[in-house]
mmCIF file of all heavy atoms, coordinates in Angstrom:
data_MODEL
# 
_entry.id   MODEL 
# 
loop_
_atom_site.group_PDB 
_atom_site.id 
_atom_site.type_symbol 
_atom_site.label_atom_id 
_atom_site.label_alt_id 
_atom_site.label_comp_id 
_atom_site.label_asym_id 
_atom_site.label_entity_id 
_atom_site.label_seq_id 
_atom_site.pdbx_PDB_ins_code 
_atom_site.Cartn_x 
_atom_site.Cartn_y 
_atom_site.Cartn_z 
_atom_site.occupancy 
_atom_site.B_iso_or_equiv 
_atom_site.pdbx_formal_charge 
_atom_site.auth_seq_id 
_atom_site.auth_comp_id 
_atom_site.auth_asym_id 
_atom_site.auth_atom_id 
_atom_site.pdbx_PDB_model_num 
ATOM 1   N N   . HIS A 1 1  ? -30.279 -5.637 -14.089 1.00 0.00 ? 1  HIS A N   1 
ATOM 2   C CA  . HIS A 1 1  ? -30.851 -4.383 -13.317 1.00 0.00 ? 1  HIS A CA  1 
ATOM 3   C C   . HIS A 1 1  ? -31.713 -3.500 -14.063 1.00 0.00 ? 1  HIS A C   1 
ATOM 4   O O   . HIS A 1 1  ? -32.337 -2.570 -13.518 1.00 0.00 ? 1  HIS A O   1 
ATOM 5   C CB  . HIS A 1 1  ? -29.630 -3.561 -12.738 1.00 0.00 ? 1  HIS A CB  1 
ATOM 6   C CG  . HIS A 1 1  ? -28.560 -4.357 -12.121 1.00 0.00 ? 1  HIS A CG  1 
ATOM 7   N ND1 . HIS A 1 1  ? -28.946 -5.008 -10.818 1.00 0.00 ? 1  HIS A ND1 1 
ATOM 8   C CD2 . HIS A 1 1  ? -27.345 -4.674 -12.268 1.00 0.00 ? 1  HIS A CD2 1 
ATOM 9   C CE1 . HIS A 1 1  ? -27.837 -5.659 -10.349 1.00 0.00 ? 1  HIS A CE1 1 
ATOM 10  N NE2 . HIS A 1 1  ? -26.808 -5.444 -11.252 1.00 0.00 ? 1  HIS A NE2 1 
ATOM 11  N N   . GLU A 1 2  ? -31.882 -3.699 -15.446 1.00 0.00 ? 2  GLU A N   1 
ATOM 12  C CA  . GLU A 1 2  ? -32.609 -2.905 -16.297 1.00 0.00 ? 2  GLU A CA  1 
ATOM 13  C C   . GLU A 1 2  ? -32.146 -1.483 -16.377 1.00 0.00 ? 2  GLU A C   1 
ATOM 14  O O   . GLU A 1 2  ? -32.873 -0.533 -16.741 1.00 0.00 ? 2  GLU A O   1 
ATOM 15  C CB  . GLU A 1 2  ? -34.138 -2.891 -15.857 1.00 0.00 ? 2  GLU A CB  1 
ATOM 16  C CG  . GLU A 1 2  ? -34.779 -4.259 -15.895 1.00 0.00 ? 2  GLU A CG  1 
ATOM 17  C CD  . GLU A 1 2  ? -36.286 -4.231 -15.716 1.00 0.00 ? 2  GLU A CD  1 
ATOM 18  O OE1 . GLU A 1 2  ? -36.788 -3.067 -15.255 1.00 0.00 ? 2  GLU A OE1 1 
ATOM 19  O OE2 . GLU A 1 2  ? -37.009 -5.149 -15.813 1.00 0.00 ? 2  GLU A OE2 1 
ATOM 20  N N   . PHE A 1 3  ? -30.860 -1.254 -16.038 1.00 0.00 ? 3  PHE A N   1 
ATOM 21  C CA  . PHE A 1 3  ? -30.116 -0.040 -16.458 1.00 0.00 ? 3  PHE A CA  1 
ATOM 22  C C   . PHE A 1 3  ? -28.541 -0.381 -16.364 1.00 0.00 ? 3  PHE A C   1 
ATOM 23  O O   . PHE A 1 3  ? -28.201 -1.341 -15.751 1.00 0.00 ? 3  PHE A O   1 
ATOM 24  C CB  . PHE A 1 3  ? -30.467 1.100  -15.420 1.00 0.00 ? 3  PHE A CB  1 
ATOM 25  C CG  . PHE A 1 3  ? -29.801 0.981  -14.017 1.00 0.00 ? 3  PHE A CG  1 
ATOM 26  C CD1 . PHE A 1 3  ? -28.728 1.697  -13.735 1.00 0.00 ? 3  PHE A CD1 1 
ATOM 27  C CD2 . PHE A 1 3  ? -30.284 0.147  -13.066 1.00 0.00 ? 3  PHE A CD2 1 
ATOM 28  C CE1 . PHE A 1 3  ? -28.107 1.662  -12.549 1.00 0.00 ? 3  PHE A CE1 1 
ATOM 29  C CE2 . PHE A 1 3  ? -29.858 -0.053 -11.824 1.00 0.00 ? 3  PHE A CE2 1 
ATOM 30  C CZ  . PHE A 1 3  ? -28.622 0.727  -11.554 1.00 0.00 ? 3  PHE A CZ  1 
ATOM 31  N N   . VAL A 1 4  ? -27.824 0.519  -16.936 1.00 0.00 ? 4  VAL A N   1 
ATOM 32  C CA  . VAL A 1 4  ? -26.387 0.418  -16.907 1.00 0.00 ? 4  VAL A CA  1 
ATOM 33  C C   . VAL A 1 4  ? -25.855 1.441  -16.045 1.00 0.00 ? 4  VAL A C   1 
ATOM 34  O O   . VAL A 1 4  ? -25.884 2.680  -16.218 1.00 0.00 ? 4  VAL A O   1 
ATOM 35  C CB  . VAL A 1 4  ? -25.823 0.595  -18.282 1.00 0.00 ? 4  VAL A CB  1 
ATOM 36  C CG1 . VAL A 1 4  ? -24.253 0.478  -18.307 1.00 0.00 ? 4  VAL A CG1 1 
ATOM 37  C CG2 . VAL A 1 4  ? -26.477 -0.400 -19.222 1.00 0.00 ? 4  VAL A CG2 1 
ATOM 38  N N   . PRO A 1 5  ? -25.238 1.084  -14.911 1.00 0.00 ? 5  PRO A N   1 
ATOM 39  C CA  . PRO A 1 5  ? -24.552 2.022  -14.000 1.00 0.00 ? 5  PRO A CA  1 
ATOM 40  C C   . PRO A 1 5  ? -23.377 2.777  -14.643 1.00 0.00 ? 5  PRO A C   1 
ATOM 41  O O   . PRO A 1 5  ? -22.699 2.278  -15.395 1.00 0.00 ? 5  PRO A O   1 
ATOM 42  C CB  . PRO A 1 5  ? -24.118 1.247  -12.771 1.00 0.00 ? 5  PRO A CB  1 
ATOM 43  C CG  . PRO A 1 5  ? -24.769 -0.154 -12.953 1.00 0.00 ? 5  PRO A CG  1 
ATOM 44  C CD  . PRO A 1 5  ? -24.982 -0.361 -14.445 1.00 0.00 ? 5  PRO A CD  1 
ATOM 45  N N   . ALA A 1 6  ? -23.237 4.041  -14.168 1.00 0.00 ? 6  ALA A N   1 
ATOM 46  C CA  . ALA A 1 6  ? -22.069 4.838  -14.691 1.00 0.00 ? 6  ALA A CA  1 
ATOM 47  C C   . ALA A 1 6  ? -20.907 4.275  -14.102 1.00 0.00 ? 6  ALA A C   1 
ATOM 48  O O   . ALA A 1 6  ? -20.870 3.703  -12.949 1.00 0.00 ? 6  ALA A O   1 
ATOM 49  C CB  . ALA A 1 6  ? -22.282 6.313  -14.198 1.00 0.00 ? 6  ALA A CB  1 
ATOM 50  N N   . PRO A 1 7  ? -19.800 4.202  -14.787 1.00 0.00 ? 7  PRO A N   1 
ATOM 51  C CA  . PRO A 1 7  ? -19.464 4.979  -15.979 1.00 0.00 ? 7  PRO A CA  1 
ATOM 52  C C   . PRO A 1 7  ? -19.661 4.274  -17.405 1.00 0.00 ? 7  PRO A C   1 
ATOM 53  O O   . PRO A 1 7  ? -19.459 4.785  -18.322 1.00 0.00 ? 7  PRO A O   1 
ATOM 54  C CB  . PRO A 1 7  ? -18.044 5.405  -15.879 1.00 0.00 ? 7  PRO A CB  1 
ATOM 55  C CG  . PRO A 1 7  ? -17.332 4.173  -15.204 1.00 0.00 ? 7  PRO A CG  1 
ATOM 56  C CD  . PRO A 1 7  ? -18.390 3.666  -14.264 1.00 0.00 ? 7  PRO A CD  1 
ATOM 57  N N   . ARG A 1 8  ? -20.206 3.028  -17.296 1.00 0.00 ? 8  ARG A N   1 
ATOM 58  C CA  . ARG A 1 8  ? -20.353 2.295  -18.455 1.00 0.00 ? 8  ARG A CA  1 
ATOM 59  C C   . ARG A 1 8  ? -21.589 2.786  -19.222 1.00 0.00 ? 8  ARG A C   1 
ATOM 60  O O   . ARG A 1 8  ? -22.574 3.385  -18.716 1.00 0.00 ? 8  ARG A O   1 
ATOM 61  C CB  . ARG A 1 8  ? -20.472 0.843  -18.228 1.00 0.00 ? 8  ARG A CB  1 
ATOM 62  C CG  . ARG A 1 8  ? -19.284 0.110  -17.746 1.00 0.00 ? 8  ARG A CG  1 
ATOM 63  C CD  . ARG A 1 8  ? -19.511 -1.379 -17.535 1.00 0.00 ? 8  ARG A CD  1 
ATOM 64  N NE  . ARG A 1 8  ? -18.386 -2.050 -16.968 1.00 0.00 ? 8  ARG A NE  1 
ATOM 65  C CZ  . ARG A 1 8  ? -17.391 -2.509 -17.655 1.00 0.00 ? 8  ARG A CZ  1 
ATOM 66  N NH1 . ARG A 1 8  ? -17.328 -2.352 -18.986 1.00 0.00 ? 8  ARG A NH1 1 
ATOM 67  N NH2 . ARG A 1 8  ? -16.338 -3.063 -17.018 1.00 0.00 ? 8  ARG A NH2 1 
ATOM 68  N N   . THR A 1 9  ? -21.622 2.454  -20.563 1.00 0.00 ? 9  THR A N   1 
ATOM 69  C CA  . THR A 1 9  ? -22.826 2.500  -21.397 1.00 0.00 ? 9  THR A CA  1 
ATOM 70  C C   . THR A 1 9  ? -22.859 1.231  -22.221 1.00 0.00 ? 9  THR A C   1 
ATOM 71  O O   . THR A 1 9  ? -21.992 0.336  -22.030 1.00 0.00 ? 9  THR A O   1 
ATOM 72  C CB  . THR A 1 9  ? -22.852 3.643  -22.344 1.00 0.00 ? 9  THR A CB  1 
ATOM 73  O OG1 . THR A 1 9  ? -21.902 3.552  -23.476 1.00 0.00 ? 9  THR A OG1 1 
ATOM 74  C CG2 . THR A 1 9  ? -22.481 4.973  -21.697 1.00 0.00 ? 9  THR A CG2 1 
ATOM 75  N N   . HIS A 1 10 ? -23.834 1.073  -23.143 1.00 0.00 ? 10 HIS A N   1 
ATOM 76  C CA  . HIS A 1 10 ? -23.804 -0.100 -23.943 1.00 0.00 ? 10 HIS A CA  1 
ATOM 77  C C   . HIS A 1 10 ? -22.775 -0.202 -24.890 1.00 0.00 ? 10 HIS A C   1 
ATOM 78  O O   . HIS A 1 10 ? -22.469 -1.259 -25.388 1.00 0.00 ? 10 HIS A O   1 
ATOM 79  C CB  . HIS A 1 10 ? -25.183 -0.071 -24.741 1.00 0.00 ? 10 HIS A CB  1 
ATOM 80  C CG  . HIS A 1 10 ? -26.381 -0.332 -23.777 1.00 0.00 ? 10 HIS A CG  1 
ATOM 81  N ND1 . HIS A 1 10 ? -27.163 0.663  -23.368 1.00 0.00 ? 10 HIS A ND1 1 
ATOM 82  C CD2 . HIS A 1 10 ? -27.047 -1.436 -23.452 1.00 0.00 ? 10 HIS A CD2 1 
ATOM 83  C CE1 . HIS A 1 10 ? -28.140 0.181  -22.666 1.00 0.00 ? 10 HIS A CE1 1 
ATOM 84  N NE2 . HIS A 1 10 ? -28.091 -1.092 -22.643 1.00 0.00 ? 10 HIS A NE2 1 
ATOM 85  N N   . HIS A 1 11 ? -22.024 0.992  -25.176 1.00 0.00 ? 11 HIS A N   1 
ATOM 86  C CA  . HIS A 1 11 ? -21.020 0.974  -26.169 1.00 0.00 ? 11 HIS A CA  1 
ATOM 87  C C   . HIS A 1 11 ? -19.607 1.232  -25.426 1.00 0.00 ? 11 HIS A C   1 
ATOM 88  O O   . HIS A 1 11 ? -19.492 2.227  -24.677 1.00 0.00 ? 11 HIS A O   1 
ATOM 89  C CB  . HIS A 1 11 ? -21.245 2.077  -27.181 1.00 0.00 ? 11 HIS A CB  1 
ATOM 90  C CG  . HIS A 1 11 ? -22.564 1.799  -27.834 1.00 0.00 ? 11 HIS A CG  1 
ATOM 91  N ND1 . HIS A 1 11 ? -22.864 0.706  -28.614 1.00 0.00 ? 11 HIS A ND1 1 
ATOM 92  C CD2 . HIS A 1 11 ? -23.734 2.660  -27.832 1.00 0.00 ? 11 HIS A CD2 1 
ATOM 93  C CE1 . HIS A 1 11 ? -24.227 0.873  -29.020 1.00 0.00 ? 11 HIS A CE1 1 
ATOM 94  N NE2 . HIS A 1 11 ? -24.720 2.083  -28.592 1.00 0.00 ? 11 HIS A NE2 1 
ATOM 95  N N   . PRO A 1 12 ? -18.583 0.496  -25.692 1.00 0.00 ? 12 PRO A N   1 
ATOM 96  C CA  . PRO A 1 12 ? -17.327 0.650  -24.927 1.00 0.00 ? 12 PRO A CA  1 
ATOM 97  C C   . PRO A 1 12 ? -16.589 1.932  -25.285 1.00 0.00 ? 12 PRO A C   1 
ATOM 98  O O   . PRO A 1 12 ? -15.840 2.393  -24.452 1.00 0.00 ? 12 PRO A O   1 
ATOM 99  C CB  . PRO A 1 12 ? -16.518 -0.512 -25.439 1.00 0.00 ? 12 PRO A CB  1 
ATOM 100 C CG  . PRO A 1 12 ? -17.139 -1.106 -26.611 1.00 0.00 ? 12 PRO A CG  1 
ATOM 101 C CD  . PRO A 1 12 ? -18.601 -0.693 -26.629 1.00 0.00 ? 12 PRO A CD  1 
ATOM 102 N N   . GLY A 1 13 ? -16.889 2.649  -26.342 1.00 0.00 ? 13 GLY A N   1 
ATOM 103 C CA  . GLY A 1 13 ? -16.412 3.942  -26.652 1.00 0.00 ? 13 GLY A CA  1 
ATOM 104 C C   . GLY A 1 13 ? -17.083 5.122  -26.087 1.00 0.00 ? 13 GLY A C   1 
ATOM 105 O O   . GLY A 1 13 ? -16.518 6.208  -26.356 1.00 0.00 ? 13 GLY A O   1 
ATOM 106 N N   . ILE A 1 14 ? -18.167 4.911  -25.423 1.00 0.00 ? 14 ILE A N   1 
ATOM 107 C CA  . ILE A 1 14 ? -18.946 6.025  -24.814 1.00 0.00 ? 14 ILE A CA  1 
ATOM 108 C C   . ILE A 1 14 ? -19.006 5.731  -23.399 1.00 0.00 ? 14 ILE A C   1 
ATOM 109 O O   . ILE A 1 14 ? -19.323 4.567  -22.955 1.00 0.00 ? 14 ILE A O   1 
ATOM 110 C CB  . ILE A 1 14 ? -20.396 6.077  -25.474 1.00 0.00 ? 14 ILE A CB  1 
ATOM 111 C CG1 . ILE A 1 14 ? -20.238 6.241  -27.095 1.00 0.00 ? 14 ILE A CG1 1 
ATOM 112 C CG2 . ILE A 1 14 ? -21.133 7.289  -24.788 1.00 0.00 ? 14 ILE A CG2 1 
ATOM 113 C CD1 . ILE A 1 14 ? -21.512 6.333  -27.773 1.00 0.00 ? 14 ILE A CD1 1 
ATOM 114 N N   . ARG A 1 15 ? -18.883 6.769  -22.445 1.00 0.00 ? 15 ARG A N   1 
ATOM 115 C CA  . ARG A 1 15 ? -18.940 6.681  -21.120 1.00 0.00 ? 15 ARG A CA  1 
ATOM 116 C C   . ARG A 1 15 ? -20.028 7.583  -20.558 1.00 0.00 ? 15 ARG A C   1 
ATOM 117 O O   . ARG A 1 15 ? -20.376 8.582  -21.228 1.00 0.00 ? 15 ARG A O   1 
ATOM 118 C CB  . ARG A 1 15 ? -17.565 6.955  -20.480 1.00 0.00 ? 15 ARG A CB  1 
ATOM 119 C CG  . ARG A 1 15 ? -16.414 6.325  -21.113 1.00 0.00 ? 15 ARG A CG  1 
ATOM 120 C CD  . ARG A 1 15 ? -16.369 4.850  -20.867 1.00 0.00 ? 15 ARG A CD  1 
ATOM 121 N NE  . ARG A 1 15 ? -16.039 4.275  -19.666 1.00 0.00 ? 15 ARG A NE  1 
ATOM 122 C CZ  . ARG A 1 15 ? -16.137 3.067  -19.175 1.00 0.00 ? 15 ARG A CZ  1 
ATOM 123 N NH1 . ARG A 1 15 ? -16.487 2.184  -20.018 1.00 0.00 ? 15 ARG A NH1 1 
ATOM 124 N NH2 . ARG A 1 15 ? -15.769 2.732  -17.955 1.00 0.00 ? 15 ARG A NH2 1 
ATOM 125 N N   . GLN A 1 16 ? -20.603 7.279  -19.314 1.00 0.00 ? 16 GLN A N   1 
ATOM 126 C CA  . GLN A 1 16 ? -21.335 8.209  -18.621 1.00 0.00 ? 16 GLN A CA  1 
ATOM 127 C C   . GLN A 1 16 ? -20.443 9.013  -17.542 1.00 0.00 ? 16 GLN A C   1 
ATOM 128 O O   . GLN A 1 16 ? -19.635 8.333  -16.954 1.00 0.00 ? 16 GLN A O   1 
ATOM 129 C CB  . GLN A 1 16 ? -22.426 7.625  -17.859 1.00 0.00 ? 16 GLN A CB  1 
ATOM 130 C CG  . GLN A 1 16 ? -23.455 6.751  -18.684 1.00 0.00 ? 16 GLN A CG  1 
ATOM 131 C CD  . GLN A 1 16 ? -24.413 6.212  -17.761 1.00 0.00 ? 16 GLN A CD  1 
ATOM 132 O OE1 . GLN A 1 16 ? -25.299 6.826  -17.024 1.00 0.00 ? 16 GLN A OE1 1 
ATOM 133 N NE2 . GLN A 1 16 ? -24.609 4.797  -17.781 1.00 0.00 ? 16 GLN A NE2 1 
ATOM 134 N N   . LEU A 1 17 ? -20.590 10.174 -17.412 1.00 0.00 ? 17 LEU A N   1 
ATOM 135 C CA  . LEU A 1 17 ? -19.867 10.949 -16.391 1.00 0.00 ? 17 LEU A CA  1 
ATOM 136 C C   . LEU A 1 17 ? -20.465 10.535 -14.985 1.00 0.00 ? 17 LEU A C   1 
ATOM 137 O O   . LEU A 1 17 ? -21.788 10.506 -14.929 1.00 0.00 ? 17 LEU A O   1 
ATOM 138 C CB  . LEU A 1 17 ? -19.912 12.405 -16.661 1.00 0.00 ? 17 LEU A CB  1 
ATOM 139 C CG  . LEU A 1 17 ? -19.111 13.301 -15.565 1.00 0.00 ? 17 LEU A CG  1 
ATOM 140 C CD1 . LEU A 1 17 ? -17.663 12.878 -15.642 1.00 0.00 ? 17 LEU A CD1 1 
ATOM 141 C CD2 . LEU A 1 17 ? -19.313 14.739 -15.808 1.00 0.00 ? 17 LEU A CD2 1 
ATOM 142 N N   . ASP A 1 18 ? -19.703 10.072 -14.050 1.00 0.00 ? 18 ASP A N   1 
ATOM 143 C CA  . ASP A 1 18 ? -20.265 9.746  -12.701 1.00 0.00 ? 18 ASP A CA  1 
ATOM 144 C C   . ASP A 1 18 ? -20.889 10.892 -12.136 1.00 0.00 ? 18 ASP A C   1 
ATOM 145 O O   . ASP A 1 18 ? -20.409 12.088 -12.214 1.00 0.00 ? 18 ASP A O   1 
ATOM 146 C CB  . ASP A 1 18 ? -19.165 9.276  -11.836 1.00 0.00 ? 18 ASP A CB  1 
ATOM 147 C CG  . ASP A 1 18 ? -18.741 7.775  -12.170 1.00 0.00 ? 18 ASP A CG  1 
ATOM 148 O OD1 . ASP A 1 18 ? -19.624 6.897  -12.024 1.00 0.00 ? 18 ASP A OD1 1 
ATOM 149 O OD2 . ASP A 1 18 ? -17.628 7.618  -12.542 1.00 0.00 ? 18 ASP A OD2 1 
ATOM 150 N N   . PRO A 1 19 ? -21.967 10.704 -11.359 1.00 0.00 ? 19 PRO A N   1 
ATOM 151 C CA  . PRO A 1 19 ? -22.706 11.727 -10.582 1.00 0.00 ? 19 PRO A CA  1 
ATOM 152 C C   . PRO A 1 19 ? -21.576 12.510 -9.672  1.00 0.00 ? 19 PRO A C   1 
ATOM 153 O O   . PRO A 1 19 ? -20.794 11.864 -9.132  1.00 0.00 ? 19 PRO A O   1 
ATOM 154 C CB  . PRO A 1 19 ? -23.677 11.051 -9.720  1.00 0.00 ? 19 PRO A CB  1 
ATOM 155 C CG  . PRO A 1 19 ? -24.097 9.863  -10.509 1.00 0.00 ? 19 PRO A CG  1 
ATOM 156 C CD  . PRO A 1 19 ? -22.721 9.389  -11.287 1.00 0.00 ? 19 PRO A CD  1 
ATOM 157 N N   . GLY A 1 20 ? -21.766 13.738 -9.540  1.00 0.00 ? 20 GLY A N   1 
ATOM 158 C CA  . GLY A 1 20 ? -20.897 14.464 -8.584  1.00 0.00 ? 20 GLY A CA  1 
ATOM 159 C C   . GLY A 1 20 ? -19.494 14.526 -9.007  1.00 0.00 ? 20 GLY A C   1 
ATOM 160 O O   . GLY A 1 20 ? -18.613 15.022 -8.298  1.00 0.00 ? 20 GLY A O   1 
ATOM 161 N N   . HIS A 1 21 ? -19.170 14.421 -10.255 1.00 0.00 ? 21 HIS A N   1 
ATOM 162 C CA  . HIS A 1 21 ? -17.859 14.398 -10.779 1.00 0.00 ? 21 HIS A CA  1 
ATOM 163 C C   . HIS A 1 21 ? -17.555 15.521 -11.791 1.00 0.00 ? 21 HIS A C   1 
ATOM 164 O O   . HIS A 1 21 ? -18.537 15.954 -12.450 1.00 0.00 ? 21 HIS A O   1 
ATOM 165 C CB  . HIS A 1 21 ? -17.391 13.065 -11.490 1.00 0.00 ? 21 HIS A CB  1 
ATOM 166 C CG  . HIS A 1 21 ? -17.005 11.968 -10.575 1.00 0.00 ? 21 HIS A CG  1 
ATOM 167 N ND1 . HIS A 1 21 ? -17.822 11.454 -9.660  1.00 0.00 ? 21 HIS A ND1 1 
ATOM 168 C CD2 . HIS A 1 21 ? -15.822 11.425 -10.381 1.00 0.00 ? 21 HIS A CD2 1 
ATOM 169 C CE1 . HIS A 1 21 ? -17.194 10.577 -8.890  1.00 0.00 ? 21 HIS A CE1 1 
ATOM 170 N NE2 . HIS A 1 21 ? -15.967 10.469 -9.339  1.00 0.00 ? 21 HIS A NE2 1 
ATOM 171 N N   . LEU A 1 22 ? -16.365 15.990 -11.869 1.00 0.00 ? 22 LEU A N   1 
ATOM 172 C CA  . LEU A 1 22 ? -15.995 16.901 -12.876 1.00 0.00 ? 22 LEU A CA  1 
ATOM 173 C C   . LEU A 1 22 ? -14.842 16.241 -13.717 1.00 0.00 ? 22 LEU A C   1 
ATOM 174 O O   . LEU A 1 22 ? -13.858 15.707 -13.088 1.00 0.00 ? 22 LEU A O   1 
ATOM 175 C CB  . LEU A 1 22 ? -15.360 18.281 -12.095 1.00 0.00 ? 22 LEU A CB  1 
ATOM 176 C CG  . LEU A 1 22 ? -14.819 19.344 -13.066 1.00 0.00 ? 22 LEU A CG  1 
ATOM 177 C CD1 . LEU A 1 22 ? -15.116 20.718 -12.494 1.00 0.00 ? 22 LEU A CD1 1 
ATOM 178 C CD2 . LEU A 1 22 ? -13.294 19.248 -13.420 1.00 0.00 ? 22 LEU A CD2 1 
ATOM 179 N N   . LEU A 1 23 ? -14.949 16.400 -14.976 1.00 0.00 ? 23 LEU A N   1 
ATOM 180 C CA  . LEU A 1 23 ? -13.928 15.741 -15.861 1.00 0.00 ? 23 LEU A CA  1 
ATOM 181 C C   . LEU A 1 23 ? -13.209 16.922 -16.624 1.00 0.00 ? 23 LEU A C   1 
ATOM 182 O O   . LEU A 1 23 ? -13.975 17.830 -17.123 1.00 0.00 ? 23 LEU A O   1 
ATOM 183 C CB  . LEU A 1 23 ? -14.584 14.854 -16.899 1.00 0.00 ? 23 LEU A CB  1 
ATOM 184 C CG  . LEU A 1 23 ? -13.699 14.063 -17.841 1.00 0.00 ? 23 LEU A CG  1 
ATOM 185 C CD1 . LEU A 1 23 ? -14.279 12.598 -18.101 1.00 0.00 ? 23 LEU A CD1 1 
ATOM 186 C CD2 . LEU A 1 23 ? -13.514 14.810 -19.159 1.00 0.00 ? 23 LEU A CD2 1 
ATOM 187 N N   . LYS A 1 24 ? -11.985 16.860 -16.716 1.00 0.00 ? 24 LYS A N   1 
ATOM 188 C CA  . LYS A 1 24 ? -11.216 17.965 -17.359 1.00 0.00 ? 24 LYS A CA  1 
ATOM 189 C C   . LYS A 1 24 ? -10.427 17.261 -18.509 1.00 0.00 ? 24 LYS A C   1 
ATOM 190 O O   . LYS A 1 24 ? -9.666  16.123 -18.304 1.00 0.00 ? 24 LYS A O   1 
ATOM 191 C CB  . LYS A 1 24 ? -10.233 18.581 -16.392 1.00 0.00 ? 24 LYS A CB  1 
ATOM 192 C CG  . LYS A 1 24 ? -9.499  19.812 -17.139 1.00 0.00 ? 24 LYS A CG  1 
ATOM 193 C CD  . LYS A 1 24 ? -8.693  20.540 -16.108 1.00 0.00 ? 24 LYS A CD  1 
ATOM 194 C CE  . LYS A 1 24 ? -7.994  21.809 -16.567 1.00 0.00 ? 24 LYS A CE  1 
ATOM 195 N NZ  . LYS A 1 24 ? -7.222  22.595 -15.572 1.00 0.00 ? 24 LYS A NZ  1 
ATOM 196 N N   . PHE A 1 25 ? -10.464 17.876 -19.675 1.00 0.00 ? 25 PHE A N   1 
ATOM 197 C CA  . PHE A 1 25 ? -9.795  17.400 -20.831 1.00 0.00 ? 25 PHE A CA  1 
ATOM 198 C C   . PHE A 1 25 ? -9.038  18.447 -21.580 1.00 0.00 ? 25 PHE A C   1 
ATOM 199 O O   . PHE A 1 25 ? -9.614  19.457 -22.005 1.00 0.00 ? 25 PHE A O   1 
ATOM 200 C CB  . PHE A 1 25 ? -10.678 16.604 -21.817 1.00 0.00 ? 25 PHE A CB  1 
ATOM 201 C CG  . PHE A 1 25 ? -9.993  16.093 -23.074 1.00 0.00 ? 25 PHE A CG  1 
ATOM 202 C CD1 . PHE A 1 25 ? -9.173  14.985 -23.063 1.00 0.00 ? 25 PHE A CD1 1 
ATOM 203 C CD2 . PHE A 1 25 ? -10.176 16.661 -24.261 1.00 0.00 ? 25 PHE A CD2 1 
ATOM 204 C CE1 . PHE A 1 25 ? -8.612  14.518 -24.168 1.00 0.00 ? 25 PHE A CE1 1 
ATOM 205 C CE2 . PHE A 1 25 ? -9.703  16.215 -25.498 1.00 0.00 ? 25 PHE A CE2 1 
ATOM 206 C CZ  . PHE A 1 25 ? -8.807  15.177 -25.366 1.00 0.00 ? 25 PHE A CZ  1 
ATOM 207 N N   . ARG A 1 26 ? -7.774  18.279 -21.761 1.00 0.00 ? 26 ARG A N   1 
ATOM 208 C CA  . ARG A 1 26 ? -6.947  19.183 -22.578 1.00 0.00 ? 26 ARG A CA  1 
ATOM 209 C C   . ARG A 1 26 ? -6.282  18.432 -23.649 1.00 0.00 ? 26 ARG A C   1 
ATOM 210 O O   . ARG A 1 26 ? -5.850  17.349 -23.359 1.00 0.00 ? 26 ARG A O   1 
ATOM 211 C CB  . ARG A 1 26 ? -5.942  19.925 -21.759 1.00 0.00 ? 26 ARG A CB  1 
ATOM 212 C CG  . ARG A 1 26 ? -5.301  21.116 -22.340 1.00 0.00 ? 26 ARG A CG  1 
ATOM 213 C CD  . ARG A 1 26 ? -3.953  21.675 -21.529 1.00 0.00 ? 26 ARG A CD  1 
ATOM 214 N NE  . ARG A 1 26 ? -4.381  21.844 -20.222 1.00 0.00 ? 26 ARG A NE  1 
ATOM 215 C CZ  . ARG A 1 26 ? -4.656  23.122 -19.705 1.00 0.00 ? 26 ARG A CZ  1 
ATOM 216 N NH1 . ARG A 1 26 ? -4.714  23.998 -20.395 1.00 0.00 ? 26 ARG A NH1 1 
ATOM 217 N NH2 . ARG A 1 26 ? -4.985  23.100 -18.340 1.00 0.00 ? 26 ARG A NH2 1 
ATOM 218 N N   . SER A 1 27 ? -6.356  18.902 -24.939 1.00 0.00 ? 27 SER A N   1 
ATOM 219 C CA  . SER A 1 27 ? -5.895  18.143 -26.122 1.00 0.00 ? 27 SER A CA  1 
ATOM 220 C C   . SER A 1 27 ? -4.472  17.660 -25.768 1.00 0.00 ? 27 SER A C   1 
ATOM 221 O O   . SER A 1 27 ? -3.557  18.467 -25.415 1.00 0.00 ? 27 SER A O   1 
ATOM 222 C CB  . SER A 1 27 ? -5.980  18.944 -27.361 1.00 0.00 ? 27 SER A CB  1 
ATOM 223 O OG  . SER A 1 27 ? -7.233  19.164 -27.659 1.00 0.00 ? 27 SER A OG  1 
# 
């Protein structure tokens, strides 16, 4: 497709945040 759809990236340890989403992280 000449692009990588969210949430994947070329690297398994890095993600794209999906459009229209909120992500919450607490340690």
